[in-house]
Each structure stands twice: as structure tokens, then as C-alpha cells.
């Protein structure tokens, strides 16, 4: 009898939802490795440490999602999650090493926008399949999207991204989940169509927020804190700085 861990190793055994979930795990693991190398997160991590954080980003949200819908976590049944997250972490480390800057801010922002909708979509799908309500589907989509980043931030002793001002991180996940629920339940579209529309909504809103510098609202804060706050780069500024990087950065880069 074939063990369960091997029964899903063949691509022919995977369904559409499996592929979407693997896409979410891959892109989020890539982001997790890049995030671990970011100056505000890096804590002298070893290679193994970066890979572990990549796994946290890649499968952390999926595990929380499956626990909430009372399922065995998908990475324990499907070995491809472990494989793709490891490959994504390796690719991120190679890109980061050979980049002109220690951390490519524009690349990270773009990839966070691209990866964000996938777990929101899969989370909503899982909740609907478990016959939960529409609000629960959106909520589980948000949790699945943001749980991995929460784990990484806590591990790096950084305030979790969900709690601080940013380019509508949680809102983009919520809009993605709402779009999927509406397309799937109200309009009766097939899974592929609902997924495509929800992805465009979440990715488009997040990308637009990054380009235009839209951020969540926050209450007033003491003038002393406001005066010392560092200006955030928009996605366009980050990409222009990276694509227009000079060769001088190579000369000044010091690799051990």
C-alpha cells in the first residue's frame, strides 16, 4: 500500500486547488527568505535559519487555515510543499546574493503584491468547502494570508506587519476573499474563473497601493514620533532605484 505522503507526489494526483495552494506556498516562501535578509529583520541568521523562516512564510498560513477548518495540514500530506518552499528559499538567496543591493526593496514589494491573493483565495475556498459562512470564509482568507508574515515578524523581534501602517496589507487580503466569495457563491462562476477575478482584484489593489503610496489610516501620534519617522518608498521609486543602479554599487559591495 502506497504511503499517503507518496500518494500525492505525482503531479497527476493534484487538483486545481492543490496547484493554487502550491503557488501560494512557493511565492510566500520566496518572500519569507527575502524578508529574513531585509536589514530590519536580519539577525545574523544562518542559511538554515533563512530556510526555516521561508518555510514559516510559505506554509505557516496554510497550516493555520487547515487547522481552522479541521483538516490535516496540507504540507503533512503533500510533500511538494516542502520541496517548492526549499527551492523558493534557495532562489531568493541566490537573487539576494547577486543583487547590486543587499536587499531589493522593489522586488520584495512586487512579490508581496503577487503572492498576497493566493492564500486569501485558498483560505476562502477551504472555508466554503467546510460549509462555513461567508464572513468566516473571508476571515479565514485573511488569516491564511497574514499568518506566515506574523510568524516571521515575531521570530525576528519585529512588530507584526498587520499592526502597523502599510499599503493596505490586510485590506487587500479581505478584498480578495470577498471577490472570490461573490464570484463563487453569488455569480456561480467556476473555480478557475473565480480565482482569476479574485487574484486580479487583490493583486491590482495591492500593486496600486504600493505605486501610489496608499496606506492604512492610523490615529494621530505624538509630534516627536512623527518627526522622526522614516519616509517610505513607493513601489515605483524602489524599482527605479534598482533598475537604474550603477556599477559603483558592485565596487562597494563587500562579500566575505
Protein backbone atom coordinates (compact mmCIF):
# COMPACT_ATOMS: atom_id res chain seq x y z
CA UNK A 1 0.00 0.00 0.00
CA UNK A 2 1.42 3.36 -1.03
CA UNK A 3 2.02 5.69 1.94
CA UNK A 4 -0.10 8.84 1.88
CA UNK A 5 2.99 11.07 1.78
CA UNK A 6 3.95 9.42 -1.55
CA UNK A 7 0.47 9.12 -2.99
CA UNK A 8 0.38 12.86 -3.76
CA UNK A 9 3.92 13.10 -5.09
CA UNK A 10 2.78 12.61 -8.67
CA UNK A 11 1.54 15.79 -10.33
CA UNK A 12 -1.29 13.79 -11.92
CA UNK A 13 -2.77 13.27 -8.47
CA UNK A 14 -3.11 17.00 -7.78
CA UNK A 15 -6.26 19.01 -8.37
CA UNK A 16 -6.69 22.66 -9.30
CA UNK A 17 -6.90 23.75 -5.67
CA UNK A 18 -3.68 21.88 -4.91
CA UNK A 19 -1.85 23.81 -7.63
CA UNK A 20 -3.21 27.14 -6.39
CA UNK A 21 -2.16 26.31 -2.83
CA UNK A 22 1.31 25.29 -4.03
CA UNK A 23 1.58 28.60 -5.88
CA UNK A 24 0.74 30.38 -2.63
CA UNK A 25 3.33 28.38 -0.70
CA UNK A 26 6.06 28.96 -3.29
CA UNK A 27 5.64 32.72 -3.60
CA UNK A 28 5.26 33.24 0.13
CA UNK A 29 8.35 31.13 0.88
CA UNK A 30 10.29 33.26 -1.61
CA UNK A 31 9.09 36.39 0.19
CA UNK A 32 9.92 34.86 3.57
CA UNK A 33 13.55 34.27 2.56
CA UNK A 34 13.88 37.79 1.18
CA UNK A 35 12.28 39.21 4.31
CA UNK A 36 14.72 37.32 6.52
CA UNK A 37 17.57 39.09 4.69
CA UNK A 38 15.97 42.52 4.99
CA UNK A 39 18.00 44.87 7.22
CA UNK A 40 15.11 45.47 9.63
CA UNK A 41 14.59 41.70 10.07
CA UNK A 42 18.04 40.18 9.69
CA UNK A 43 19.53 38.87 12.94
CA UNK A 44 22.66 37.05 11.73
CA UNK A 45 20.59 34.11 10.54
CA UNK A 46 22.33 31.01 9.26
CA UNK A 47 21.38 29.50 5.90
CA UNK A 48 19.24 27.00 7.80
CA UNK A 49 17.64 29.87 9.70
CA UNK A 50 16.66 31.67 6.49
CA UNK A 51 15.22 28.43 5.09
CA UNK A 52 13.20 27.85 8.25
CA UNK A 53 11.76 31.37 8.01
CA UNK A 54 10.98 30.74 4.35
CA UNK A 55 9.02 27.65 5.40
CA UNK A 56 7.20 29.73 8.01
CA UNK A 57 6.18 32.20 5.34
CA UNK A 58 5.38 29.52 2.79
CA UNK A 59 3.32 27.02 4.77
CA UNK A 60 2.55 28.85 8.03
CA UNK A 61 -0.65 30.40 6.70
CA UNK A 62 -1.75 27.14 5.08
CA UNK A 63 -1.28 25.18 8.30
CA UNK A 64 -3.31 27.71 10.30
CA UNK A 65 -6.00 27.64 7.60
CA UNK A 66 -6.28 23.85 7.66
CA UNK A 67 -6.41 23.73 11.44
CA UNK A 68 -9.26 26.26 11.43
CA UNK A 69 -11.30 24.13 9.02
CA UNK A 70 -10.45 20.95 10.95
CA UNK A 71 -8.24 19.33 8.30
CA UNK A 72 -4.85 17.66 8.43
CA UNK A 73 -2.41 20.40 7.29
CA UNK A 74 -1.72 20.00 3.58
CA UNK A 75 2.11 20.02 3.94
CA UNK A 76 1.85 16.84 6.04
CA UNK A 77 0.02 15.06 3.22
CA UNK A 78 1.64 16.54 0.13
CA UNK A 79 5.48 16.52 0.00
CA UNK A 80 5.54 19.08 -2.80
CA UNK A 81 5.00 21.85 -0.24
CA UNK A 82 8.32 21.03 1.37
CA UNK A 83 10.07 20.79 -2.00
CA UNK A 84 8.79 24.03 -3.55
CA UNK A 85 9.42 26.06 -0.38
CA UNK A 86 13.02 24.85 -0.25
CA UNK A 87 13.55 25.71 -3.92
CA UNK A 88 11.94 29.13 -3.46
CA UNK A 89 14.21 29.87 -0.48
CA UNK A 90 17.29 28.86 -2.48
CA UNK A 91 16.29 31.04 -5.44
CA UNK A 92 15.65 34.01 -3.15
CA UNK A 93 19.07 33.63 -1.53
CA UNK A 94 20.79 33.45 -4.92
CA UNK A 95 18.97 36.54 -6.19
CA UNK A 96 19.72 38.43 -2.99
CA UNK A 97 23.40 37.47 -3.10
CA UNK A 98 23.98 38.57 -6.67
CA UNK A 99 21.82 41.70 -6.50
CA UNK A 100 23.50 45.10 -6.55
CA UNK A 101 21.92 45.97 -3.22
CA UNK A 102 21.78 43.92 -0.05
CA UNK A 103 18.03 43.88 -0.28
CA UNK A 104 15.96 44.65 -3.35
CA UNK A 105 13.07 46.64 -1.93
CA UNK A 106 11.23 46.94 -5.23
CA UNK A 107 11.45 43.20 -5.92
CA UNK A 108 10.15 42.39 -2.45
CA UNK A 109 7.23 44.83 -2.73
CA UNK A 110 6.21 43.45 -6.11
CA UNK A 111 6.42 39.83 -4.93
CA UNK A 112 4.37 40.57 -1.81
CA UNK A 113 1.67 42.04 -4.06
CA UNK A 114 1.81 39.00 -6.35
CA UNK A 115 1.78 36.40 -3.57
CA UNK A 116 -0.81 38.04 -1.33
CA UNK A 117 -4.02 36.97 -3.14
CA UNK A 118 -3.22 33.25 -3.42
CA UNK A 119 -3.62 32.29 0.23
CA UNK A 120 -6.67 34.54 0.57
CA UNK A 121 -8.28 32.65 -2.32
CA UNK A 122 -7.34 29.20 -0.99
CA UNK A 123 -8.46 30.19 2.51
CA UNK A 124 -11.87 31.25 1.23
CA UNK A 125 -12.12 28.05 -0.83
CA UNK A 126 -11.31 25.88 2.17
CA UNK A 127 -13.86 27.65 4.37
CA UNK A 128 -16.61 27.34 1.77
CA UNK A 129 -15.78 23.66 1.26
CA UNK A 130 -16.17 23.19 5.03
CA UNK A 131 -19.63 24.78 4.78
CA UNK A 132 -18.71 27.81 6.86
CA UNK A 133 -20.38 31.19 6.44
CA UNK A 134 -19.33 33.89 4.01
CA UNK A 135 -17.86 36.09 6.73
CA UNK A 136 -15.87 33.13 8.05
CA UNK A 137 -14.58 32.44 4.52
CA UNK A 138 -13.26 35.99 4.19
CA UNK A 139 -11.82 35.92 7.72
CA UNK A 140 -10.00 32.61 7.16
CA UNK A 141 -8.68 34.01 3.88
CA UNK A 142 -7.22 36.98 5.77
CA UNK A 143 -5.70 34.78 8.46
CA UNK A 144 -4.21 32.37 5.92
CA UNK A 145 -2.67 35.29 4.03
CA UNK A 146 -1.15 37.05 7.01
CA UNK A 147 -0.25 34.26 9.46
CA UNK A 148 3.09 33.46 7.81
CA UNK A 149 4.21 37.08 7.97
CA UNK A 150 3.13 37.23 11.62
CA UNK A 151 5.33 34.22 12.46
CA UNK A 152 8.35 35.69 10.67
CA UNK A 153 7.97 39.11 12.30
CA UNK A 154 7.68 37.61 15.77
CA UNK A 155 10.71 35.38 15.15
CA UNK A 156 12.70 38.42 14.02
CA UNK A 157 11.57 40.52 17.00
CA UNK A 158 9.72 42.95 14.72
CA UNK A 159 6.23 44.37 15.25
CA UNK A 160 3.90 42.25 13.05
CA UNK A 161 3.02 43.83 9.73
CA UNK A 162 -0.72 43.55 10.43
CA UNK A 163 -0.46 46.02 13.32
CA UNK A 164 1.41 48.88 11.68
CA UNK A 165 0.80 51.24 8.79
CA UNK A 166 1.43 49.84 5.34
CA UNK A 167 -0.01 49.62 1.84
CA UNK A 168 -3.34 48.02 2.81
CA UNK A 169 -1.91 44.58 3.57
CA UNK A 170 -4.92 43.22 5.46
CA UNK A 171 -7.43 45.16 3.35
CA UNK A 172 -6.08 43.66 0.12
CA UNK A 173 -6.48 40.16 1.57
CA UNK A 174 -10.05 40.97 2.63
CA UNK A 175 -10.96 42.32 -0.82
CA UNK A 176 -9.53 39.18 -2.43
CA UNK A 177 -11.61 36.91 -0.19
CA UNK A 178 -14.76 38.98 -0.78
CA UNK A 179 -14.22 38.92 -4.54
CA UNK A 180 -13.82 35.14 -4.51
CA UNK A 181 -16.93 34.55 -2.37
CA UNK A 182 -19.03 36.83 -4.59
CA UNK A 183 -17.82 35.20 -7.81
CA UNK A 184 -18.17 31.65 -6.49
CA UNK A 185 -21.37 31.91 -4.47
CA UNK A 186 -23.34 34.84 -5.90
CA UNK A 187 -22.35 34.64 -9.57
CA UNK A 188 -21.82 30.88 -9.70
CA UNK A 189 -18.57 31.11 -11.64
CA UNK A 190 -16.27 28.07 -11.88
CA UNK A 191 -13.28 27.83 -9.54
CA UNK A 192 -10.80 28.95 -12.19
CA UNK A 193 -12.84 32.00 -13.14
CA UNK A 194 -13.49 32.99 -9.52
CA UNK A 195 -9.80 32.56 -8.74
CA UNK A 196 -8.70 34.69 -11.71
CA UNK A 197 -11.05 37.56 -10.84
CA UNK A 198 -10.19 37.46 -7.13
CA UNK A 199 -6.47 37.45 -7.96
CA UNK A 200 -6.82 40.49 -10.22
CA UNK A 201 -8.76 42.34 -7.51
CA UNK A 202 -6.25 41.59 -4.73
CA UNK A 203 -3.09 41.94 -6.80
CA UNK A 204 -4.33 45.05 -8.58
CA UNK A 205 -5.38 46.83 -5.38
CA UNK A 206 -2.16 45.95 -3.56
CA UNK A 207 0.03 46.95 -6.51
CA UNK A 208 -1.83 50.22 -6.98
CA UNK A 209 -1.45 50.98 -3.26
CA UNK A 210 2.29 50.39 -3.49
CA UNK A 211 2.72 52.54 -6.59
CA UNK A 212 0.66 55.44 -5.23
CA UNK A 213 1.78 55.14 -1.62
CA UNK A 214 -1.70 54.47 -0.23
CA UNK A 215 -1.53 53.36 3.39
CA UNK A 216 -3.90 52.34 6.14
CA UNK A 217 -5.24 55.06 8.33
CA UNK A 218 -3.88 55.50 11.83
CA UNK A 219 -4.84 57.76 14.74
CA UNK A 220 -2.82 60.86 15.48
CA UNK A 221 0.53 60.27 17.09
CA UNK A 222 2.87 62.40 19.21
CA UNK A 223 4.77 65.00 17.18
CA UNK A 224 8.12 63.63 18.40
CA UNK A 225 7.39 60.23 16.87
CA UNK A 226 6.01 61.70 13.66
CA UNK A 227 9.06 63.92 13.15
CA UNK A 228 11.48 61.01 13.40
CA UNK A 229 9.58 58.65 11.10
CA UNK A 230 11.46 57.41 8.06
CA UNK A 231 9.89 58.13 4.67
CA UNK A 232 8.59 55.01 2.92
CA UNK A 233 9.43 54.37 -0.73
CA UNK A 234 6.66 53.63 -3.18
CA UNK A 235 6.97 50.58 -5.42
CA UNK A 236 7.82 52.79 -8.39
CA UNK A 237 10.62 54.53 -6.50
CA UNK A 238 12.06 51.21 -5.36
CA UNK A 239 12.01 49.70 -8.84
CA UNK A 240 13.51 52.83 -10.45
CA UNK A 241 16.32 52.84 -7.89
CA UNK A 242 17.09 49.18 -8.55
CA UNK A 243 16.77 49.17 -12.33
CA UNK A 244 18.85 52.32 -12.53
CA UNK A 245 21.53 51.07 -10.12
CA UNK A 246 25.09 51.97 -11.07
CA UNK A 247 28.11 49.75 -11.31
CA UNK A 248 29.56 51.63 -8.37
CA UNK A 249 27.45 49.54 -6.02
CA UNK A 250 29.31 46.44 -7.19
CA UNK A 251 32.63 48.01 -6.33
CA UNK A 252 31.48 48.98 -2.86
CA UNK A 253 29.83 45.65 -2.09
CA UNK A 254 31.91 43.60 0.29
CA UNK A 255 31.16 39.91 0.37
CA UNK A 256 33.03 37.61 2.74
